[in-house]
Amino acid sequence: MNKTIYIFIALACMMASCAQKEHAEDVVTEPKEEVIEVPTYKLYPTENMWNFLKLNTATGQISIVQYTVNDDDKRFEYALNNQPLISSGEILKAGRFELTPTQNRWNFILLDRVSGQAYQVQWSFEEKNRFVIPIH
């Protein structure tokens, strides 16, 4: 008699677990939307080990960032272009602009990923040699 009860309980448990598995397959879950955070600011290395270009990926504004390990006077940040490259009233969207280095150590190409406009970016220690100009 004990064997019969154990067999009955075992069968009942197996049937219950099968029913739960079937029910679980019927439940449709929405795929989770993956959130990818795009940074507002991004640093791009130059071929000069002490200098980086800091890009505001929403406005296209760029500054030259220089660091040092032992001389505070050589640690600075200069604006390469002060004016945003987007029209006033446009919604700021991080990730809109990106920089690509060229084979010339002083030049990068800046791309507006929304409009497709490309710019030549030339950085320099001398202000007269720094610019961001559209490529037509």
N, C-alpha and C. Protein backbone atom coordinates (compact mmCIF):
# COMPACT_ATOMS: atom_id res chain seq x y z
N MET A 1 0.81 -1.18 0.00
CA MET A 1 0.00 0.00 0.00
C MET A 1 0.86 1.26 0.00
N ASN A 2 1.95 1.22 0.78
CA ASN A 2 2.84 2.37 0.81
C ASN A 2 3.44 2.65 -0.56
N LYS A 3 3.76 1.57 -1.29
CA LYS A 3 4.32 1.74 -2.62
C LYS A 3 3.32 2.42 -3.54
N THR A 4 2.08 2.07 -3.41
CA THR A 4 1.04 2.66 -4.25
C THR A 4 0.91 4.15 -3.97
N ILE A 5 0.98 4.53 -2.72
CA ILE A 5 0.88 5.96 -2.37
C ILE A 5 2.08 6.71 -2.92
N TYR A 6 3.29 6.14 -2.77
CA TYR A 6 4.49 6.81 -3.28
C TYR A 6 4.44 6.96 -4.79
N ILE A 7 3.97 5.93 -5.47
CA ILE A 7 3.85 5.99 -6.93
C ILE A 7 2.84 7.06 -7.32
N PHE A 8 1.71 7.11 -6.62
CA PHE A 8 0.67 8.08 -6.89
C PHE A 8 1.21 9.52 -6.68
N ILE A 9 1.94 9.74 -5.61
CA ILE A 9 2.50 11.06 -5.31
C ILE A 9 3.53 11.44 -6.38
N ALA A 10 4.38 10.50 -6.77
CA ALA A 10 5.39 10.76 -7.79
C ALA A 10 4.74 11.14 -9.11
N LEU A 11 3.68 10.39 -9.51
CA LEU A 11 2.97 10.71 -10.75
C LEU A 11 2.30 12.10 -10.67
N ALA A 12 1.72 12.41 -9.54
CA ALA A 12 1.06 13.70 -9.37
C ALA A 12 2.08 14.85 -9.50
N CYS A 13 3.26 14.67 -8.90
CA CYS A 13 4.30 15.69 -8.99
C CYS A 13 4.79 15.88 -10.42
N MET A 14 4.97 14.79 -11.16
CA MET A 14 5.42 14.87 -12.54
C MET A 14 4.39 15.59 -13.40
N MET A 15 3.11 15.27 -13.18
CA MET A 15 2.05 15.92 -13.96
C MET A 15 1.98 17.42 -13.65
N ALA A 16 2.16 17.77 -12.40
CA ALA A 16 2.12 19.18 -12.00
C ALA A 16 3.29 19.95 -12.61
N SER A 17 4.48 19.34 -12.64
CA SER A 17 5.63 20.03 -13.20
C SER A 17 5.48 20.19 -14.71
N CYS A 18 4.92 19.22 -15.39
CA CYS A 18 4.68 19.32 -16.84
C CYS A 18 3.67 20.43 -17.12
N ALA A 19 2.65 20.54 -16.32
CA ALA A 19 1.64 21.57 -16.50
C ALA A 19 2.26 22.95 -16.30
N GLN A 20 3.19 23.09 -15.34
CA GLN A 20 3.83 24.38 -15.12
C GLN A 20 4.72 24.76 -16.29
N LYS A 21 5.42 23.78 -16.87
CA LYS A 21 6.29 24.06 -18.01
C LYS A 21 5.46 24.50 -19.21
N GLU A 22 4.35 23.83 -19.47
CA GLU A 22 3.50 24.21 -20.59
C GLU A 22 2.97 25.63 -20.40
N HIS A 23 2.57 25.95 -19.18
CA HIS A 23 2.06 27.28 -18.90
C HIS A 23 3.15 28.34 -19.08
N ALA A 24 4.38 28.02 -18.68
CA ALA A 24 5.49 28.97 -18.81
C ALA A 24 5.77 29.27 -20.28
N GLU A 25 5.60 28.29 -21.17
CA GLU A 25 5.85 28.50 -22.59
C GLU A 25 4.78 29.38 -23.21
N ASP A 26 3.58 29.40 -22.64
CA ASP A 26 2.49 30.21 -23.16
C ASP A 26 2.66 31.69 -22.83
N VAL A 27 3.44 31.99 -21.80
CA VAL A 27 3.62 33.38 -21.39
C VAL A 27 4.60 34.05 -22.34
N VAL A 28 4.17 35.15 -22.97
CA VAL A 28 5.03 35.90 -23.88
C VAL A 28 5.57 37.11 -23.14
N THR A 29 6.87 37.20 -23.10
CA THR A 29 7.48 38.35 -22.44
C THR A 29 8.00 39.31 -23.49
N GLU A 30 7.85 40.59 -23.21
CA GLU A 30 8.36 41.62 -24.11
C GLU A 30 9.88 41.64 -24.03
N PRO A 31 10.56 41.78 -25.17
CA PRO A 31 12.01 41.89 -25.09
C PRO A 31 12.38 43.18 -24.36
N LYS A 32 13.39 43.10 -23.54
CA LYS A 32 13.83 44.27 -22.80
C LYS A 32 14.56 45.21 -23.74
N GLU A 33 14.20 46.50 -23.68
CA GLU A 33 14.88 47.49 -24.50
C GLU A 33 16.22 47.79 -23.87
N GLU A 34 17.27 47.63 -24.65
CA GLU A 34 18.61 47.86 -24.15
C GLU A 34 18.92 49.36 -24.22
N VAL A 35 19.28 49.94 -23.11
CA VAL A 35 19.59 51.35 -23.04
C VAL A 35 21.09 51.52 -23.21
N ILE A 36 21.46 52.24 -24.26
CA ILE A 36 22.87 52.52 -24.51
C ILE A 36 23.08 53.99 -24.24
N GLU A 37 23.87 54.28 -23.24
CA GLU A 37 24.10 55.67 -22.87
C GLU A 37 25.20 56.26 -23.74
N VAL A 38 24.89 57.37 -24.37
CA VAL A 38 25.85 58.06 -25.22
C VAL A 38 26.42 59.23 -24.42
N PRO A 39 27.74 59.35 -24.33
CA PRO A 39 28.32 60.43 -23.53
C PRO A 39 28.16 61.78 -24.22
N THR A 40 27.97 62.83 -23.43
CA THR A 40 27.91 64.18 -23.97
C THR A 40 29.30 64.66 -24.35
N TYR A 41 30.29 64.30 -23.57
CA TYR A 41 31.67 64.69 -23.86
C TYR A 41 32.51 63.45 -24.13
N LYS A 42 33.43 63.61 -25.09
CA LYS A 42 34.30 62.49 -25.43
C LYS A 42 35.70 63.03 -25.72
N LEU A 43 36.73 62.31 -25.22
CA LEU A 43 38.12 62.70 -25.47
C LEU A 43 38.69 61.89 -26.62
N TYR A 44 39.40 62.59 -27.51
CA TYR A 44 40.06 61.95 -28.64
C TYR A 44 41.56 62.20 -28.53
N PRO A 45 42.39 61.16 -28.55
CA PRO A 45 43.84 61.38 -28.46
C PRO A 45 44.37 62.00 -29.75
N THR A 46 45.41 62.81 -29.60
CA THR A 46 46.15 63.32 -30.74
C THR A 46 47.47 62.56 -30.79
N GLU A 47 48.28 62.84 -31.80
CA GLU A 47 49.58 62.17 -31.85
C GLU A 47 50.57 62.78 -30.86
N ASN A 48 50.20 63.91 -30.27
CA ASN A 48 51.00 64.50 -29.20
C ASN A 48 50.54 63.87 -27.90
N MET A 49 51.43 63.18 -27.21
CA MET A 49 51.02 62.41 -26.03
C MET A 49 50.43 63.23 -24.90
N TRP A 50 50.63 64.54 -24.89
CA TRP A 50 50.15 65.38 -23.81
C TRP A 50 48.82 66.07 -24.13
N ASN A 51 48.31 65.87 -25.35
CA ASN A 51 47.12 66.61 -25.79
C ASN A 51 46.00 65.72 -26.28
N PHE A 52 44.80 66.13 -25.92
CA PHE A 52 43.57 65.47 -26.38
C PHE A 52 42.63 66.53 -26.92
N LEU A 53 41.70 66.12 -27.77
CA LEU A 53 40.61 66.98 -28.18
C LEU A 53 39.37 66.54 -27.43
N LYS A 54 38.71 67.49 -26.77
CA LYS A 54 37.48 67.19 -26.04
C LYS A 54 36.31 67.69 -26.87
N LEU A 55 35.45 66.75 -27.26
CA LEU A 55 34.30 67.05 -28.12
C LEU A 55 33.01 67.02 -27.33
N ASN A 56 32.20 68.06 -27.47
CA ASN A 56 30.83 68.04 -26.97
C ASN A 56 30.04 67.37 -28.09
N THR A 57 29.63 66.13 -27.89
CA THR A 57 29.00 65.34 -28.95
C THR A 57 27.60 65.82 -29.30
N ALA A 58 27.05 66.75 -28.52
CA ALA A 58 25.72 67.30 -28.80
C ALA A 58 25.79 68.59 -29.61
N THR A 59 26.83 69.41 -29.40
CA THR A 59 26.91 70.72 -30.05
C THR A 59 28.01 70.83 -31.09
N GLY A 60 29.01 69.95 -31.05
CA GLY A 60 30.14 70.03 -31.98
C GLY A 60 31.25 70.94 -31.49
N GLN A 61 31.13 71.50 -30.30
CA GLN A 61 32.18 72.35 -29.76
C GLN A 61 33.36 71.50 -29.32
N ILE A 62 34.57 72.01 -29.60
CA ILE A 62 35.80 71.26 -29.33
C ILE A 62 36.77 72.14 -28.54
N SER A 63 37.48 71.52 -27.61
CA SER A 63 38.57 72.22 -26.92
C SER A 63 39.79 71.32 -26.91
N ILE A 64 40.94 71.97 -26.77
CA ILE A 64 42.22 71.25 -26.67
C ILE A 64 42.52 71.10 -25.18
N VAL A 65 42.78 69.89 -24.75
CA VAL A 65 43.08 69.61 -23.35
C VAL A 65 44.52 69.11 -23.27
N GLN A 66 45.32 69.81 -22.48
CA GLN A 66 46.71 69.39 -22.28
C GLN A 66 46.91 69.05 -20.82
N TYR A 67 47.57 67.94 -20.58
CA TYR A 67 47.88 67.56 -19.20
C TYR A 67 49.39 67.47 -19.05
N THR A 68 49.83 67.38 -17.80
CA THR A 68 51.26 67.26 -17.50
C THR A 68 51.40 66.43 -16.23
N VAL A 69 52.58 65.92 -16.01
CA VAL A 69 52.80 65.14 -14.79
C VAL A 69 53.57 65.92 -13.73
N ASN A 70 54.15 67.07 -14.12
CA ASN A 70 54.96 67.76 -13.11
C ASN A 70 54.97 69.29 -13.20
N ASP A 71 54.31 69.90 -14.15
CA ASP A 71 54.37 71.35 -14.32
C ASP A 71 52.96 71.91 -14.47
N ASP A 72 52.45 72.50 -13.39
CA ASP A 72 51.07 73.01 -13.40
C ASP A 72 50.83 74.07 -14.47
N ASP A 73 51.84 74.81 -14.87
CA ASP A 73 51.68 75.84 -15.89
C ASP A 73 51.37 75.26 -17.27
N LYS A 74 51.65 73.99 -17.46
CA LYS A 74 51.41 73.37 -18.77
C LYS A 74 50.13 72.53 -18.79
N ARG A 75 49.30 72.70 -17.78
CA ARG A 75 48.00 72.01 -17.71
C ARG A 75 46.93 73.04 -18.06
N PHE A 76 46.21 72.82 -19.21
CA PHE A 76 45.24 73.82 -19.64
C PHE A 76 44.18 73.21 -20.55
N GLU A 77 43.17 74.04 -20.84
CA GLU A 77 42.14 73.69 -21.81
C GLU A 77 41.81 74.95 -22.60
N TYR A 78 41.96 74.88 -23.94
CA TYR A 78 41.67 76.01 -24.83
C TYR A 78 40.50 75.64 -25.74
N ALA A 79 39.61 76.59 -25.95
CA ALA A 79 38.50 76.36 -26.89
C ALA A 79 39.04 76.40 -28.31
N LEU A 80 38.67 75.42 -29.10
CA LEU A 80 39.03 75.40 -30.51
C LEU A 80 37.93 76.10 -31.31
N ASN A 81 36.68 75.86 -30.96
CA ASN A 81 35.53 76.58 -31.53
C ASN A 81 34.53 76.83 -30.41
N ASN A 82 34.22 78.11 -30.20
CA ASN A 82 33.32 78.49 -29.11
C ASN A 82 31.85 78.35 -29.46
N GLN A 83 31.51 78.43 -30.73
CA GLN A 83 30.12 78.44 -31.15
C GLN A 83 29.61 77.03 -31.45
N PRO A 84 28.41 76.70 -30.98
CA PRO A 84 27.82 75.40 -31.33
C PRO A 84 27.61 75.30 -32.84
N LEU A 85 27.72 74.11 -33.37
CA LEU A 85 27.55 73.89 -34.81
C LEU A 85 26.12 73.51 -35.18
N ILE A 86 25.21 73.64 -34.23
CA ILE A 86 23.80 73.36 -34.51
C ILE A 86 23.03 74.67 -34.45
N SER A 87 21.90 74.71 -35.12
CA SER A 87 21.06 75.91 -35.13
C SER A 87 20.39 76.08 -33.78
N SER A 88 20.16 77.34 -33.41
CA SER A 88 19.43 77.58 -32.16
C SER A 88 18.02 77.02 -32.32
N GLY A 89 17.53 76.43 -31.29
CA GLY A 89 16.20 75.82 -31.34
C GLY A 89 16.24 74.31 -31.62
N GLU A 90 17.37 73.82 -32.15
CA GLU A 90 17.48 72.38 -32.37
C GLU A 90 17.64 71.67 -31.03
N ILE A 91 17.10 70.48 -30.94
CA ILE A 91 17.19 69.70 -29.71
C ILE A 91 18.60 69.13 -29.59
N LEU A 92 19.19 69.33 -28.41
CA LEU A 92 20.53 68.77 -28.16
C LEU A 92 20.44 67.26 -28.02
N LYS A 93 21.28 66.55 -28.76
CA LYS A 93 21.27 65.09 -28.70
C LYS A 93 22.72 64.61 -28.61
N ALA A 94 23.07 64.03 -27.48
CA ALA A 94 24.42 63.50 -27.30
C ALA A 94 24.69 62.43 -28.35
N GLY A 95 25.89 62.43 -28.89
CA GLY A 95 26.28 61.45 -29.90
C GLY A 95 26.08 61.95 -31.32
N ARG A 96 25.60 63.20 -31.47
CA ARG A 96 25.35 63.73 -32.82
C ARG A 96 26.65 63.93 -33.58
N PHE A 97 27.71 64.39 -32.90
CA PHE A 97 28.99 64.67 -33.55
C PHE A 97 30.04 63.65 -33.14
N GLU A 98 30.93 63.35 -34.10
CA GLU A 98 32.06 62.47 -33.79
C GLU A 98 33.28 62.92 -34.59
N LEU A 99 34.45 62.68 -34.02
CA LEU A 99 35.72 63.06 -34.64
C LEU A 99 36.43 61.82 -35.18
N THR A 100 37.08 62.00 -36.32
CA THR A 100 37.89 60.93 -36.91
C THR A 100 39.26 61.51 -37.24
N PRO A 101 40.34 60.89 -36.77
CA PRO A 101 41.67 61.41 -37.10
C PRO A 101 42.00 61.21 -38.58
N THR A 102 42.86 62.06 -39.10
CA THR A 102 43.37 61.89 -40.47
C THR A 102 44.84 61.49 -40.36
N GLN A 103 45.50 61.34 -41.49
CA GLN A 103 46.92 61.00 -41.47
C GLN A 103 47.80 62.21 -41.15
N ASN A 104 47.19 63.40 -41.15
CA ASN A 104 47.89 64.61 -40.74
C ASN A 104 47.66 64.79 -39.25
N ARG A 105 48.70 64.85 -38.47
CA ARG A 105 48.59 64.88 -37.01
C ARG A 105 47.82 66.06 -36.47
N TRP A 106 47.68 67.13 -37.22
CA TRP A 106 47.01 68.34 -36.74
C TRP A 106 45.54 68.41 -37.18
N ASN A 107 45.10 67.48 -38.02
CA ASN A 107 43.76 67.56 -38.59
C ASN A 107 42.89 66.36 -38.26
N PHE A 108 41.62 66.64 -38.04
CA PHE A 108 40.59 65.63 -37.82
C PHE A 108 39.41 65.98 -38.72
N ILE A 109 38.55 65.03 -38.95
CA ILE A 109 37.29 65.29 -39.62
C ILE A 109 36.19 65.16 -38.57
N LEU A 110 35.37 66.20 -38.48
CA LEU A 110 34.23 66.21 -37.57
C LEU A 110 32.99 65.93 -38.40
N LEU A 111 32.20 64.95 -37.99
CA LEU A 111 30.99 64.58 -38.73
C LEU A 111 29.76 64.85 -37.90
N ASP A 112 28.79 65.57 -38.50
CA ASP A 112 27.47 65.73 -37.90
C ASP A 112 26.66 64.54 -38.39
N ARG A 113 26.40 63.60 -37.51
CA ARG A 113 25.73 62.35 -37.89
C ARG A 113 24.25 62.54 -38.20
N VAL A 114 23.69 63.70 -37.87
CA VAL A 114 22.28 63.97 -38.19
C VAL A 114 22.15 64.59 -39.58
N SER A 115 22.92 65.66 -39.84
CA SER A 115 22.80 66.37 -41.12
C SER A 115 23.73 65.80 -42.20
N GLY A 116 24.79 65.11 -41.78
CA GLY A 116 25.76 64.60 -42.74
C GLY A 116 26.88 65.59 -43.05
N GLN A 117 26.79 66.80 -42.49
CA GLN A 117 27.81 67.82 -42.73
C GLN A 117 29.15 67.39 -42.12
N ALA A 118 30.21 67.55 -42.89
CA ALA A 118 31.57 67.25 -42.42
C ALA A 118 32.34 68.55 -42.27
N TYR A 119 33.26 68.59 -41.31
CA TYR A 119 34.08 69.76 -41.05
C TYR A 119 35.54 69.34 -40.95
N GLN A 120 36.43 70.22 -41.43
CA GLN A 120 37.85 70.01 -41.20
C GLN A 120 38.20 70.69 -39.89
N VAL A 121 38.82 69.95 -38.98
CA VAL A 121 39.22 70.48 -37.68
C VAL A 121 40.73 70.48 -37.64
N GLN A 122 41.30 71.66 -37.42
CA GLN A 122 42.75 71.75 -37.27
C GLN A 122 43.04 72.31 -35.89
N TRP A 123 43.81 71.56 -35.12
CA TRP A 123 44.19 72.04 -33.79
C TRP A 123 45.65 72.47 -33.84
N SER A 124 45.98 73.40 -32.97
CA SER A 124 47.34 73.91 -32.92
C SER A 124 47.53 74.59 -31.58
N PHE A 125 48.78 74.78 -31.20
CA PHE A 125 49.08 75.55 -30.00
C PHE A 125 48.91 77.04 -30.27
N GLU A 126 49.04 77.43 -31.53
CA GLU A 126 48.89 78.83 -31.92
C GLU A 126 47.44 79.08 -32.35
N GLU A 127 46.82 80.10 -31.75
CA GLU A 127 45.40 80.38 -32.00
C GLU A 127 45.11 80.63 -33.48
N LYS A 128 46.01 81.30 -34.19
CA LYS A 128 45.78 81.63 -35.60
C LYS A 128 45.74 80.37 -36.48
N ASN A 129 46.26 79.26 -35.99
CA ASN A 129 46.28 78.02 -36.77
C ASN A 129 45.20 77.02 -36.36
N ARG A 130 44.28 77.44 -35.49
CA ARG A 130 43.18 76.57 -35.06
C ARG A 130 41.91 76.95 -35.81
N PHE A 131 41.20 75.93 -36.30
CA PHE A 131 39.92 76.24 -36.95
C PHE A 131 39.05 75.01 -37.09
N VAL A 132 37.77 75.27 -37.30
CA VAL A 132 36.77 74.26 -37.66
C VAL A 132 35.99 74.86 -38.82
N ILE A 133 36.17 74.29 -40.04
CA ILE A 133 35.51 74.84 -41.21
C ILE A 133 34.73 73.74 -41.94
N PRO A 134 33.56 74.12 -42.49
CA PRO A 134 32.76 73.11 -43.21
C PRO A 134 33.46 72.64 -44.48
N ILE A 135 33.24 71.38 -44.79
CA ILE A 135 33.74 70.81 -46.05
C ILE A 135 32.53 70.75 -46.98
N HIS A 136 32.60 71.48 -48.09
CA HIS A 136 31.47 71.53 -49.03
C HIS A 136 31.70 70.59 -50.20
